[in-house]
C-alpha atoms as a PDB file:
ATOM      1  CA  MET A   1      14.065 -16.355 -15.875  1.00  0.00           C
ATOM      2  CA  ASN A   2      10.943 -14.822 -17.429  1.00  0.00           C
ATOM      3  CA  SER A   3       8.764 -16.887 -15.098  1.00  0.00           C
ATOM      4  CA  LEU A   4      10.691 -15.614 -12.069  1.00  0.00           C
ATOM      5  CA  TRP A   5      10.264 -12.014 -13.257  1.00  0.00           C
ATOM      6  CA  GLU A   6       6.512 -12.570 -13.730  1.00  0.00           C
ATOM      7  CA  VAL A   7       6.239 -13.980 -10.203  1.00  0.00           C
ATOM      8  CA  LEU A   8       8.180 -11.007  -8.784  1.00  0.00           C
ATOM      9  CA  THR A   9       6.053  -8.386 -10.556  1.00  0.00           C
ATOM     10  CA  GLN A  10       2.835 -10.152  -9.571  1.00  0.00           C
ATOM     11  CA  ALA A  11       3.976 -10.304  -5.940  1.00  0.00           C
ATOM     12  CA  LEU A  12       4.820  -6.580  -6.055  1.00  0.00           C
ATOM     13  CA  LEU A  13       1.386  -5.792  -7.501  1.00  0.00           C
ATOM     14  CA  ILE A  14      -0.469  -7.766  -4.815  1.00  0.00           C
ATOM     15  CA  THR A  15       1.701  -6.462  -1.969  1.00  0.00           C
ATOM     16  CA  GLY A  16       1.450  -2.881  -3.196  1.00  0.00           C
ATOM     17  CA  PHE A  17      -2.329  -2.933  -3.415  1.00  0.00           C
ATOM     18  CA  VAL A  18      -2.775  -4.603  -0.017  1.00  0.00           C
ATOM     19  CA  PHE A  19      -0.366  -2.068   1.520  1.00  0.00           C
ATOM     20  CA  ILE A  20      -2.329   0.848   0.018  1.00  0.00           C
ATOM     21  CA  MET A  21      -5.627  -0.588   1.279  1.00  0.00           C
ATOM     22  CA  MET A  22      -4.218  -1.026   4.800  1.00  0.00           C
ATOM     23  CA  LEU A  23      -2.903   2.534   4.707  1.00  0.00           C
ATOM     24  CA  LEU A  24      -6.292   3.902   3.640  1.00  0.00           C
ATOM     25  CA  VAL A  25      -8.132   1.832   6.257  1.00  0.00           C
ATOM     26  CA  GLU A  26      -5.877   3.314   8.961  1.00  0.00           C
ATOM     27  CA  TYR A  27      -6.462   6.829   7.617  1.00  0.00           C
ATOM     28  CA  VAL A  28     -10.251   6.537   7.447  1.00  0.00           C
ATOM     29  CA  ASN A  29     -10.334   4.887  10.869  1.00  0.00           C
ATOM     30  CA  VAL A  30      -8.558   7.782  12.600  1.00  0.00           C
ATOM     31  CA  GLN A  31     -10.465  10.463  10.668  1.00  0.00           C
ATOM     32  CA  THR A  32     -13.784   8.943  11.768  1.00  0.00           C
ATOM     33  CA  HIS A  33     -12.535   8.061  15.274  1.00  0.00           C
ATOM     34  CA  GLY A  34     -13.282   4.414  14.518  1.00  0.00           C
ATOM     35  CA  ASN A  35     -17.045   4.973  14.238  1.00  0.00           C
ATOM     36  CA  TRP A  36     -17.352   3.233  10.848  1.00  0.00           C
ATOM     37  CA  GLN A  37     -15.668   0.036  11.993  1.00  0.00           C
ATOM     38  CA  GLU A  38     -17.715  -0.096  15.188  1.00  0.00           C
ATOM     39  CA  LYS A  39     -20.936   0.122  13.179  1.00  0.00           C
ATOM     40  CA  LEU A  40     -19.700  -2.554  10.784  1.00  0.00           C
ATOM     41  CA  LYS A  41     -18.660  -4.824  13.660  1.00  0.00           C
ATOM     42  CA  GLU A  42     -22.150  -4.571  15.126  1.00  0.00           C
ATOM     43  CA  SER A  43     -23.802  -5.715  11.884  1.00  0.00           C
ATOM     44  CA  LYS A  44     -22.810  -9.200  10.780  1.00  0.00           C
ATOM     45  CA  THR A  45     -25.320  -8.987   7.939  1.00  0.00           C
ATOM     46  CA  GLY A  46     -23.662  -5.787   6.777  1.00  0.00           C
ATOM     47  CA  GLN A  47     -20.285  -7.512   6.889  1.00  0.00           C
ATOM     48  CA  TYR A  48     -21.497 -10.436   4.781  1.00  0.00           C
ATOM     49  CA  LEU A  49     -23.140  -8.149   2.212  1.00  0.00           C
ATOM     50  CA  LEU A  50     -20.046  -5.947   1.934  1.00  0.00           C
ATOM     51  CA  ALA A  51     -17.833  -9.026   1.668  1.00  0.00           C
ATOM     52  CA  VAL A  52     -19.765 -10.675  -1.167  1.00  0.00           C
ATOM     53  CA  ILE A  53     -20.154  -7.383  -3.052  1.00  0.00           C
ATOM     54  CA  LEU A  54     -16.385  -6.909  -2.952  1.00  0.00           C
ATOM     55  CA  GLY A  55     -15.930 -10.596  -3.730  1.00  0.00           C
ATOM     56  CA  VAL A  56     -18.025 -10.762  -6.892  1.00  0.00           C
ATOM     57  CA  ILE A  57     -16.171  -7.817  -8.440  1.00  0.00           C
ATOM     58  CA  PRO A  58     -14.070  -9.414 -11.220  1.00  0.00           C
ATOM     59  CA  GLY A  59     -10.396  -9.676 -10.332  1.00  0.00           C
ATOM     60  CA  CYS A  60      -8.836  -9.929  -6.885  1.00  0.00           C
ATOM     61  CA  LEU A  61      -8.850  -6.310  -5.678  1.00  0.00           C
ATOM     62  CA  GLY A  62     -12.089  -6.746  -3.730  1.00  0.00           C
ATOM     63  CA  ALA A  63     -10.806  -9.937  -2.097  1.00  0.00           C
ATOM     64  CA  PHE A  64      -7.566  -8.193  -1.074  1.00  0.00           C
ATOM     65  CA  THR A  65      -9.637  -5.422   0.498  1.00  0.00           C
ATOM     66  CA  VAL A  66     -11.599  -7.908   2.617  1.00  0.00           C
ATOM     67  CA  VAL A  67      -8.334  -9.544   3.764  1.00  0.00           C
ATOM     68  CA  SER A  68      -7.142  -6.088   4.871  1.00  0.00           C
ATOM     69  CA  LEU A  69     -10.378  -5.513   6.803  1.00  0.00           C
ATOM     70  CA  TYR A  70     -10.132  -8.960   8.398  1.00  0.00           C
ATOM     71  CA  ALA A  71      -6.480  -8.403   9.352  1.00  0.00           C
ATOM     72  CA  HIS A  72      -7.617  -5.313  11.265  1.00  0.00           C
ATOM     73  CA  ARG A  73     -10.480  -7.236  12.932  1.00  0.00           C
ATOM     74  CA  VAL A  74     -13.079  -5.026  11.241  1.00  0.00           C
ATOM     75  CA  VAL A  75     -14.915  -7.975   9.667  1.00  0.00           C
ATOM     76  CA  SER A  76     -15.294 -11.506  10.999  1.00  0.00           C
ATOM     77  CA  PHE A  77     -13.753 -14.714   9.718  1.00  0.00           C
ATOM     78  CA  GLY A  78     -17.201 -15.638   8.400  1.00  0.00           C
ATOM     79  CA  ALA A  79     -17.241 -12.468   6.293  1.00  0.00           C
ATOM     80  CA  LEU A  80     -13.825 -13.417   4.936  1.00  0.00           C
ATOM     81  CA  VAL A  81     -15.171 -16.870   4.028  1.00  0.00           C
ATOM     82  CA  ALA A  82     -18.147 -15.222   2.311  1.00  0.00           C
ATOM     83  CA  ALA A  83     -15.873 -12.974   0.256  1.00  0.00           C
ATOM     84  CA  MET A  84     -13.617 -15.809  -0.891  1.00  0.00           C
ATOM     85  CA  ILE A  85     -16.561 -18.015  -1.887  1.00  0.00           C
ATOM     86  CA  ALA A  86     -17.989 -15.112  -3.901  1.00  0.00           C
ATOM     87  CA  THR A  87     -14.636 -14.378  -5.566  1.00  0.00           C
ATOM     88  CA  SER A  88     -13.825 -15.877  -8.947  1.00  0.00           C
ATOM     89  CA  GLY A  89     -10.650 -13.871  -9.514  1.00  0.00           C
ATOM     90  CA  ASP A  90      -9.509 -13.014 -13.019  1.00  0.00           C
ATOM     91  CA  GLU A  91     -11.537 -15.910 -14.427  1.00  0.00           C
ATOM     92  CA  ALA A  92     -14.652 -13.770 -13.985  1.00  0.00           C
ATOM     93  CA  PHE A  93     -13.496 -11.626 -16.920  1.00  0.00           C
ATOM     94  CA  VAL A  94     -13.076 -14.719 -19.101  1.00  0.00           C
ATOM     95  CA  MET A  95     -16.451 -16.154 -18.085  1.00  0.00           C
ATOM     96  CA  LEU A  96     -18.228 -12.853 -18.772  1.00  0.00           C
ATOM     97  CA  SER A  97     -16.747 -12.809 -22.266  1.00  0.00           C
ATOM     98  CA  LEU A  98     -17.542 -16.459 -23.054  1.00  0.00           C
ATOM     99  CA  PHE A  99     -20.964 -16.953 -21.430  1.00  0.00           C
ATOM    100  CA  PRO A 100     -22.187 -13.703 -19.806  1.00  0.00           C
ATOM    101  CA  LEU A 101     -25.712 -14.797 -18.846  1.00  0.00           C
ATOM    102  CA  GLN A 102     -24.544 -17.963 -17.078  1.00  0.00           C
ATOM    103  CA  THR A 103     -21.791 -15.948 -15.380  1.00  0.00           C
ATOM    104  CA  VAL A 104     -24.312 -13.507 -13.901  1.00  0.00           C
ATOM    105  CA  TRP A 105     -26.311 -16.447 -12.527  1.00  0.00           C
ATOM    106  CA  LEU A 106     -23.104 -17.984 -11.175  1.00  0.00           C
ATOM    107  CA  MET A 107     -22.193 -14.716  -9.411  1.00  0.00           C
ATOM    108  CA  LEU A 108     -25.616 -14.505  -7.794  1.00  0.00           C
ATOM    109  CA  ILE A 109     -25.408 -18.120  -6.613  1.00  0.00           C
ATOM    110  CA  VAL A 110     -21.865 -17.856  -5.191  1.00  0.00           C
ATOM    111  CA  ALA A 111     -22.864 -14.617  -3.422  1.00  0.00           C
ATOM    112  CA  ALA A 112     -25.829 -16.403  -1.791  1.00  0.00           C
ATOM    113  CA  VAL A 113     -23.675 -19.413  -0.883  1.00  0.00           C
ATOM    114  CA  GLY A 114     -21.044 -17.043   0.510  1.00  0.00           C
ATOM    115  CA  ILE A 115     -23.522 -15.273   2.791  1.00  0.00           C
ATOM    116  CA  ALA A 116     -24.880 -18.623   4.060  1.00  0.00           C
ATOM    117  CA  ALA A 117     -21.385 -20.045   4.598  1.00  0.00           C
ATOM    118  CA  GLY A 118     -20.277 -16.866   6.357  1.00  0.00           C
ATOM    119  CA  TYR A 119     -23.236 -17.002   8.731  1.00  0.00           C
ATOM    120  CA  PHE A 120     -22.701 -20.687   9.593  1.00  0.00           C
ATOM    121  CA  THR A 121     -18.954 -20.150  10.021  1.00  0.00           C
ATOM    122  CA  ASP A 122     -19.464 -17.396  12.583  1.00  0.00           C
ATOM    123  CA  TYR A 123     -22.264 -19.332  14.287  1.00  0.00           C
ATOM    124  CA  PHE A 124     -20.309 -22.552  14.776  1.00  0.00           C
ATOM    125  CA  PHE A 125     -16.704 -21.318  14.854  1.00  0.00           C
ATOM    126  CA  LYS A 126     -16.640 -19.500  18.191  1.00  0.00           C
ATOM    127  CA  LYS A 127     -12.860 -19.487  18.736  1.00  0.00           C
ATOM    128  CA  GLN A 128     -11.937 -17.681  15.537  1.00  0.00           C
ATOM    129  CA  ILE A 129     -10.328 -14.847  17.514  1.00  0.00           C
ATOM    130  CA  LYS A 130      -7.361 -17.188  18.115  1.00  0.00           C
ATOM    131  CA  LEU A 131      -6.541 -17.057  14.405  1.00  0.00           C
ATOM    132  CA  LEU A 132      -5.244 -13.513  14.926  1.00  0.00           C
ATOM    133  CA  ASP A 133      -3.972 -13.773  18.499  1.00  0.00           C
ATOM    134  CA  LYS A 134      -0.216 -13.726  17.740  1.00  0.00           C
ATOM    135  CA  ILE A 135      -0.166 -10.206  16.287  1.00  0.00           C
ATOM    136  CA  ASP A 136      -2.040  -7.106  17.387  1.00  0.00           C
ATOM    137  CA  HIS A 137      -4.087  -6.417  14.275  1.00  0.00           C
ATOM    138  CA  ASN A 138      -6.561  -4.024  15.881  1.00  0.00           C
ATOM    139  CA  LEU A 139      -6.803  -0.536  14.454  1.00  0.00           C
ATOM    140  CA  PRO A 140      -5.362   1.685  17.207  1.00  0.00           C
ATOM    141  CA  ILE A 141      -7.256   4.824  18.219  1.00  0.00           C
ATOM    142  CA  HIS A 142      -5.497   6.926  20.817  1.00  0.00           C
ATOM    143  CA  ALA A 143      -7.374   9.138  23.241  1.00  0.00           C
ATOM    144  CA  GLU A 144      -8.566  12.415  21.706  1.00  0.00           C
ATOM    145  CA  GLU A 145      -6.588  11.594  18.555  1.00  0.00           C
ATOM    146  CA  THR A 146      -7.308  13.493  15.388  1.00  0.00           C
ATOM    147  CA  CYS A 147      -5.549  13.836  12.078  1.00  0.00           C
ATOM    148  CA  ASP A 148      -5.306  17.530  11.197  1.00  0.00           C
ATOM    149  CA  CYS A 149      -3.761  17.048   7.778  1.00  0.00           C
ATOM    150  CA  TYR A 150      -4.272  20.452   6.229  1.00  0.00           C
ATOM    151  CA  ALA A 151      -2.988  23.027   8.732  1.00  0.00           C
ATOM    152  CA  LYS A 152      -1.565  26.024   6.901  1.00  0.00           C
ATOM    153  CA  GLY A 153       2.176  25.705   6.385  1.00  0.00           C
ATOM    154  CA  TYR A 154       2.335  22.440   8.352  1.00  0.00           C
ATOM    155  CA  VAL A 155       2.743  20.133   5.372  1.00  0.00           C
ATOM    156  CA  PHE A 156       5.556  22.266   3.944  1.00  0.00           C
ATOM    157  CA  ARG A 157       7.427  22.210   7.282  1.00  0.00           C
ATOM    158  CA  GLN A 158       7.061  18.416   7.441  1.00  0.00           C
ATOM    159  CA  LEU A 159       8.535  18.010   3.980  1.00  0.00           C
ATOM    160  CA  LYS A 160      11.321  20.518   4.673  1.00  0.00           C
ATOM    161  CA  ASN A 161      12.330  18.558   7.792  1.00  0.00           C
ATOM    162  CA  ILE A 162      11.290  15.195   6.406  1.00  0.00           C
ATOM    163  CA  SER A 163      11.760  12.127   8.611  1.00  0.00           C
ATOM    164  CA  PHE A 164      13.313   8.885   7.435  1.00  0.00           C
ATOM    165  CA  GLU A 165       9.988   7.057   7.805  1.00  0.00           C
ATOM    166  CA  ARG A 166       8.083   9.581   5.681  1.00  0.00           C
ATOM    167  CA  ALA A 167      10.801   9.640   3.017  1.00  0.00           C
ATOM    168  CA  LEU A 168      10.823   5.838   2.778  1.00  0.00           C
ATOM    169  CA  LEU A 169       7.022   5.600   2.530  1.00  0.00           C
ATOM    170  CA  ILE A 170       6.970   8.297  -0.169  1.00  0.00           C
ATOM    171  CA  GLY A 171       9.729   6.416  -1.975  1.00  0.00           C
ATOM    172  CA  LEU A 172       7.868   3.095  -1.812  1.00  0.00           C
ATOM    173  CA  LEU A 173       4.625   4.582  -3.121  1.00  0.00           C
ATOM    174  CA  GLY A 174       6.524   6.521  -5.783  1.00  0.00           C
ATOM    175  CA  PHE A 175       8.252   3.316  -6.836  1.00  0.00           C
ATOM    176  CA  PHE A 176       4.902   1.519  -7.060  1.00  0.00           C
ATOM    177  CA  LEU A 177       3.461   4.361  -9.157  1.00  0.00           C
ATOM    178  CA  ALA A 178       6.496   4.212 -11.449  1.00  0.00           C
ATOM    179  CA  LEU A 179       5.994   0.467 -11.945  1.00  0.00           C
ATOM    180  CA  LEU A 180       2.349   1.133 -12.862  1.00  0.00           C
ATOM    181  CA  LEU A 181       3.112   3.989 -15.250  1.00  0.00           C
ATOM    182  CA  THR A 182       5.870   2.099 -17.064  1.00  0.00           C
ATOM    183  CA  GLY A 183       3.725  -1.034 -17.419  1.00  0.00           C
ATOM    184  CA  THR A 184       6.174  -3.108 -15.386  1.00  0.00           C
ATOM    185  CA  ILE A 185       3.236  -4.342 -13.332  1.00  0.00           C
ATOM    186  CA  ALA A 186      -0.477  -4.591 -14.221  1.00  0.00           C
ATOM    187  CA  ALA A 187       0.330  -4.245 -17.932  1.00  0.00           C
ATOM    188  CA  ASP A 188      -2.199  -6.933 -18.886  1.00  0.00           C
ATOM    189  CA  GLU A 189      -4.942  -5.780 -16.525  1.00  0.00           C
ATOM    190  CA  LEU A 190      -8.119  -4.051 -17.705  1.00  0.00           C
ATOM    191  CA  GLU A 191      -8.135  -0.255 -17.788  1.00  0.00           C
ATOM    192  CA  TRP A 192     -10.476   0.147 -14.807  1.00  0.00           C
ATOM    193  CA  ILE A 193      -8.139  -1.960 -12.676  1.00  0.00           C
ATOM    194  CA  LYS A 194      -5.168   0.155 -13.739  1.00  0.00           C
ATOM    195  CA  VAL A 195      -7.125   3.330 -12.949  1.00  0.00           C
ATOM    196  CA  THR A 196      -8.119   1.927  -9.538  1.00  0.00           C
ATOM    197  CA  LEU A 197      -4.512   1.045  -8.708  1.00  0.00           C
ATOM    198  CA  PHE A 198      -3.279   4.430  -9.922  1.00  0.00           C
ATOM    199  CA  ALA A 199      -5.936   6.418  -8.027  1.00  0.00           C
ATOM    200  CA  GLY A 200      -5.345   4.382  -4.860  1.00  0.00           C
ATOM    201  CA  SER A 201      -1.605   4.963  -5.120  1.00  0.00           C
ATOM    202  CA  LEU A 202      -2.070   8.723  -5.575  1.00  0.00           C
ATOM    203  CA  PHE A 203      -4.378   8.937  -2.571  1.00  0.00           C
ATOM    204  CA  GLY A 204      -1.926   6.844  -0.557  1.00  0.00           C
ATOM    205  CA  LEU A 205       0.832   9.254  -1.524  1.00  0.00           C
ATOM    206  CA  PHE A 206      -1.386  12.176  -0.506  1.00  0.00           C
ATOM    207  CA  VAL A 207      -1.947  10.581   2.912  1.00  0.00           C
ATOM    208  CA  VAL A 208       1.756   9.939   3.493  1.00  0.00           C
ATOM    209  CA  VAL A 209       2.689  13.499   2.479  1.00  0.00           C
ATOM    210  CA  THR A 210       0.023  15.305   4.526  1.00  0.00           C
ATOM    211  CA  VAL A 211      -0.516  13.364   7.766  1.00  0.00           C
ATOM    212  CA  PRO A 212       1.175  14.590  10.962  1.00  0.00           C
ATOM    213  CA  ASP A 213       4.360  12.890  12.162  1.00  0.00           C
ATOM    214  CA  HIS A 214       2.562  11.164  15.047  1.00  0.00           C
ATOM    215  CA  PHE A 215      -0.014   9.564  12.760  1.00  0.00           C
ATOM    216  CA  LEU A 216       2.635   8.513  10.256  1.00  0.00           C
ATOM    217  CA  GLN A 217       4.916   7.039  12.927  1.00  0.00           C
ATOM    218  CA  SER A 218       2.259   5.263  15.021  1.00  0.00           C
ATOM    219  CA  HIS A 219      -0.133   4.077  12.326  1.00  0.00           C
ATOM    220  CA  LEU A 220       1.536   3.884   8.940  1.00  0.00           C
ATOM    221  CA  TRP A 221       5.107   3.051   9.928  1.00  0.00           C
ATOM    222  CA  GLU A 222       4.786   0.961  13.093  1.00  0.00           C
ATOM    223  CA  HIS A 223       1.492  -0.742  12.308  1.00  0.00           C
ATOM    224  CA  VAL A 224       1.184  -1.089   8.535  1.00  0.00           C
ATOM    225  CA  LEU A 225       4.724  -1.205   7.174  1.00  0.00           C
ATOM    226  CA  LYS A 226       6.735  -2.869   9.959  1.00  0.00           C
ATOM    227  CA  LYS A 227       4.085  -5.425  10.949  1.00  0.00           C
ATOM    228  CA  HIS A 228       2.653  -6.343   7.559  1.00  0.00           C
ATOM    229  CA  LEU A 229       4.472  -5.258   4.407  1.00  0.00           C
ATOM    230  CA  LEU A 230       7.512  -7.562   4.349  1.00  0.00           C
ATOM    231  CA  ARG A 231       5.525 -10.576   5.585  1.00  0.00           C
ATOM    232  CA  ILE A 232       2.889 -10.093   2.885  1.00  0.00           C
ATOM    233  CA  PHE A 233       5.488  -9.751   0.134  1.00  0.00           C
ATOM    234  CA  LEU A 234       7.554 -12.779   1.198  1.00  0.00           C
ATOM    235  CA  TRP A 235       4.553 -15.080   1.609  1.00  0.00           C
ATOM    236  CA  THR A 236       2.986 -13.892  -1.645  1.00  0.00           C
ATOM    237  CA  PHE A 237       6.223 -14.259  -3.592  1.00  0.00           C
ATOM    238  CA  GLY A 238       6.957 -17.686  -2.080  1.00  0.00           C
ATOM    239  CA  ALA A 239       3.467 -19.019  -2.764  1.00  0.00           C
ATOM    240  CA  LEU A 240       3.446 -17.727  -6.360  1.00  0.00           C
ATOM    241  CA  LEU A 241       6.894 -19.208  -7.001  1.00  0.00           C
ATOM    242  CA  ALA A 242       5.857 -22.613  -5.635  1.00  0.00           C
ATOM    243  CA  ILE A 243       2.707 -22.584  -7.758  1.00  0.00           C
ATOM    244  CA  GLN A 244       4.688 -21.617 -10.863  1.00  0.00           C
ATOM    245  CA  LEU A 245       7.070 -24.543 -10.338  1.00  0.00           C
ATOM    246  CA  LEU A 246       4.123 -26.886  -9.799  1.00  0.00           C
ATOM    247  CA  MET A 247       2.437 -25.722 -13.001  1.00  0.00           C
ATOM    248  CA  ASN A 248       5.656 -26.301 -14.960  1.00  0.00           C
ATOM    249  CA  TYR A 249       5.897 -29.946 -13.911  1.00  0.00           C
ATOM    250  CA  VAL A 250       2.274 -31.037 -13.460  1.00  0.00           C
ATOM    251  CA  ASP A 251      -0.115 -31.254 -16.408  1.00  0.00           C
ATOM    252  CA  LEU A 252      -3.459 -30.411 -14.807  1.00  0.00           C
ATOM    253  CA  ASP A 253      -5.307 -31.224 -18.037  1.00  0.00           C
ATOM    254  CA  SER A 254      -4.387 -34.889 -17.588  1.00  0.00           C
ATOM    255  CA  TRP A 255      -6.379 -34.902 -14.334  1.00  0.00           C
ATOM    256  CA  ILE A 256      -9.631 -34.580 -16.220  1.00  0.00           C
ATOM    257  CA  HIS A 257     -11.362 -37.953 -16.453  1.00  0.00           C
ATOM    258  CA  ALA A 258     -14.576 -39.127 -18.041  1.00  0.00           C
ATOM    259  CA  ASN A 259     -16.323 -39.860 -14.739  1.00  0.00           C
ATOM    260  CA  THR A 260     -18.376 -36.820 -13.742  1.00  0.00           C
ATOM    261  CA  TYR A 261     -17.971 -37.253  -9.989  1.00  0.00           C
ATOM    262  CA  THR A 262     -14.235 -37.659 -10.378  1.00  0.00           C
ATOM    263  CA  VAL A 263     -14.114 -34.430 -12.364  1.00  0.00           C
ATOM    264  CA  LEU A 264     -16.096 -32.705  -9.587  1.00  0.00           C
ATOM    265  CA  LEU A 265     -13.602 -33.866  -6.970  1.00  0.00           C
ATOM    266  CA  ILE A 266     -10.684 -32.735  -9.145  1.00  0.00           C
ATOM    267  CA  ALA A 267     -12.367 -29.361  -9.701  1.00  0.00           C
ATOM    268  CA  VAL A 268     -12.700 -28.616  -5.987  1.00  0.00           C
ATOM    269  CA  LEU A 269      -9.193 -29.923  -5.264  1.00  0.00           C
ATOM    270  CA  VAL A 270      -7.695 -27.708  -7.976  1.00  0.00           C
ATOM    271  CA  GLY A 271      -9.727 -24.813  -6.546  1.00  0.00           C
ATOM    272  CA  ILE A 272      -7.643 -24.982  -3.365  1.00  0.00           C
ATOM    273  CA  ILE A 273      -4.617 -23.689  -5.305  1.00  0.00           C
ATOM    274  CA  PRO A 274      -4.360 -19.895  -4.710  1.00  0.00           C
ATOM    275  CA  GLU A 275      -3.811 -19.165  -8.389  1.00  0.00           C
ATOM    276  CA  SER A 276      -6.052 -17.935 -11.189  1.00  0.00           C
ATOM    277  CA  GLY A 277      -4.835 -20.234 -13.983  1.00  0.00           C
ATOM    278  CA  PRO A 278      -6.036 -23.751 -13.007  1.00  0.00           C
ATOM    279  CA  HIS A 279      -9.707 -22.743 -12.829  1.00  0.00           C
ATOM    280  CA  LEU A 280      -9.574 -21.770 -16.513  1.00  0.00           C
ATOM    281  CA  ILE A 281      -9.496 -25.480 -17.359  1.00  0.00           C
ATOM    282  CA  PHE A 282     -13.049 -25.856 -16.062  1.00  0.00           C
ATOM    283  CA  VAL A 283     -14.160 -22.541 -17.551  1.00  0.00           C
ATOM    284  CA  THR A 284     -12.985 -23.783 -20.955  1.00  0.00           C
ATOM    285  CA  LEU A 285     -14.551 -27.212 -20.493  1.00  0.00           C
ATOM    286  CA  PHE A 286     -17.905 -25.639 -19.579  1.00  0.00           C
ATOM    287  CA  ALA A 287     -17.736 -23.242 -22.540  1.00  0.00           C
ATOM    288  CA  GLN A 288     -17.199 -26.271 -24.791  1.00  0.00           C
ATOM    289  CA  GLY A 289     -20.130 -28.126 -23.225  1.00  0.00           C
ATOM    290  CA  SER A 290     -17.865 -30.828 -21.753  1.00  0.00           C
ATOM    291  CA  ILE A 291     -18.888 -30.397 -18.102  1.00  0.00           C
ATOM    292  CA  PRO A 292     -22.175 -29.378 -16.436  1.00  0.00           C
ATOM    293  CA  PHE A 293     -22.788 -26.032 -14.745  1.00  0.00           C
ATOM    294  CA  SER A 294     -22.640 -27.634 -11.287  1.00  0.00           C
ATOM    295  CA  ILE A 295     -18.927 -28.488 -11.669  1.00  0.00           C
ATOM    296  CA  LEU A 296     -18.086 -24.953 -12.821  1.00  0.00           C
ATOM    297  CA  LEU A 297     -20.064 -23.637  -9.848  1.00  0.00           C
ATOM    298  CA  ALA A 298     -18.242 -25.922  -7.408  1.00  0.00           C
ATOM    299  CA  SER A 299     -14.885 -24.854  -8.807  1.00  0.00           C
ATOM    300  CA  SER A 300     -15.862 -21.175  -8.551  1.00  0.00           C
ATOM    301  CA  ILE A 301     -16.911 -21.580  -4.911  1.00  0.00           C
ATOM    302  CA  VAL A 302     -13.581 -23.102  -3.862  1.00  0.00           C
ATOM    303  CA  GLN A 303     -11.154 -21.072  -5.964  1.00  0.00           C
ATOM    304  CA  ASP A 304     -10.493 -17.396  -5.242  1.00  0.00           C
ATOM    305  CA  GLY A 305      -7.758 -16.429  -7.662  1.00  0.00           C
ATOM    306  CA  HIS A 306      -4.958 -14.791  -5.683  1.00  0.00           C
ATOM    307  CA  GLY A 307      -7.421 -13.504  -3.109  1.00  0.00           C
ATOM    308  CA  THR A 308      -6.163 -15.591  -0.182  1.00  0.00           C
ATOM    309  CA  LEU A 309      -2.415 -15.095  -0.758  1.00  0.00           C
ATOM    310  CA  PRO A 310      -2.130 -12.098   1.625  1.00  0.00           C
ATOM    311  CA  LEU A 311      -3.970 -14.166   4.259  1.00  0.00           C
ATOM    312  CA  LEU A 312      -0.914 -16.436   4.466  1.00  0.00           C
ATOM    313  CA  ALA A 313       1.003 -13.527   6.014  1.00  0.00           C
ATOM    314  CA  VAL A 314      -1.851 -12.703   8.392  1.00  0.00           C
ATOM    315  CA  SER A 315      -2.849 -16.174   9.597  1.00  0.00           C
ATOM    316  CA  LYS A 316      -1.613 -19.418   8.078  1.00  0.00           C
ATOM    317  CA  LYS A 317      -4.052 -21.409  10.215  1.00  0.00           C
ATOM    318  CA  GLY A 318      -6.845 -19.144   9.028  1.00  0.00           C
ATOM    319  CA  PHE A 319      -5.804 -19.799   5.425  1.00  0.00           C
ATOM    320  CA  VAL A 320      -6.061 -23.579   5.935  1.00  0.00           C
ATOM    321  CA  ILE A 321      -9.402 -23.419   7.748  1.00  0.00           C
ATOM    322  CA  LEU A 322     -10.875 -21.081   5.128  1.00  0.00           C
ATOM    323  CA  LYS A 323      -9.808 -23.388   2.310  1.00  0.00           C
ATOM    324  CA  LEU A 324     -11.308 -26.402   4.098  1.00  0.00           C
ATOM    325  CA  ILE A 325     -14.639 -24.597   4.569  1.00  0.00           C
ATOM    326  CA  ASN A 326     -14.714 -23.500   0.932  1.00  0.00           C
ATOM    327  CA  PHE A 327     -13.745 -27.001  -0.201  1.00  0.00           C
ATOM    328  CA  ALA A 328     -16.632 -28.495   1.781  1.00  0.00           C
ATOM    329  CA  ALA A 329     -19.093 -25.881   0.471  1.00  0.00           C
ATOM    330  CA  GLY A 330     -18.003 -26.409  -3.130  1.00  0.00           C
ATOM    331  CA  LEU A 331     -18.169 -30.190  -2.875  1.00  0.00           C
ATOM    332  CA  ILE A 332     -21.623 -30.164  -1.253  1.00  0.00           C
ATOM    333  CA  ILE A 333     -23.107 -27.683  -3.759  1.00  0.00           C
ATOM    334  CA  GLY A 334     -21.492 -29.566  -6.650  1.00  0.00           C
ATOM    335  CA  LEU A 335     -22.889 -32.917  -5.503  1.00  0.00           C
ATOM    336  CA  ILE A 336     -26.366 -31.433  -5.051  1.00  0.00           C
ATOM    337  CA  GLY A 337     -26.133 -29.942  -8.534  1.00  0.00           C
ATOM    338  CA  LEU A 338     -25.110 -33.234 -10.128  1.00  0.00           C
ATOM    339  CA  LEU A 339     -27.863 -35.122  -8.325  1.00  0.00           C
ATOM    340  CA  LEU A 340     -30.422 -32.545  -9.524  1.00  0.00           C
ATOM    341  CA  GLY A 341     -29.085 -32.809 -13.033  1.00  0.00           C
ATOM    342  CA  PHE A 342     -27.686 -29.360 -13.746  1.00  0.00           C
END
């Protein structure tokens, strides 16, 4: 029962953060008339750099942000690949505490590999647009649309005659804030993560309270909540539950064998699992001097913590293709590392 509760709270945390990021992306997009996303779309290099910077940030918040940008077609599939290769999830905190210097080198290497993999993905994978063709994920900008959020007396009138959609969105964000404040979710996270979640939730609440009815109905309700929220939660919860059951019945430690190349293959296979825990096996083994740096690097390239879980709700085919690309990149880099003796 405790395991089920942990899965539920983790799914709520992931879904809540992704929802807030999507809400903020919509808000910024309308306020800037879409200029920022157009500039980002024109610069693939800028996309890759942004993706790996968000990716190397310890934890999964940066990876979730890139998934949100990809879902809205702001960044390419290659940029998403770059972010997930650069992401080490919660294990980055553990690695920084156990071997900080090697971790910094690892982050620099996975960022470089991510940029290269992102470039080659976009260069060779020309039909990636089909990965998002079933749902309209574009950020809508209506003609002459603006978001005048601070007109005198307007916000008060909106709250006095509050719509069902606004009330529900305020309730959802208030519920998420309550879970944060009571420690029901994110209790074990670092303080800066808690502060980020709290600040993002407050700004999300500010947006929902102040935006005009048209913006709230067209962008936040129809586009973000109805199209994404439930799908993200169900896929995240289902994937976490399946992984939890797998971890209860499969002893991953028994997969570790003496043969170095076998361990490399196991490391990249385990990295496919969208879960933070399994990668800790290889972090621990490296800290103890049992495996070389190249195997830890390969594992870090393939695994992305929970970063790809929201992608399951956006594009299941995209999830599979991304994992295959990362698997190939991790295996190749790991083999090169072993052959070079590091």
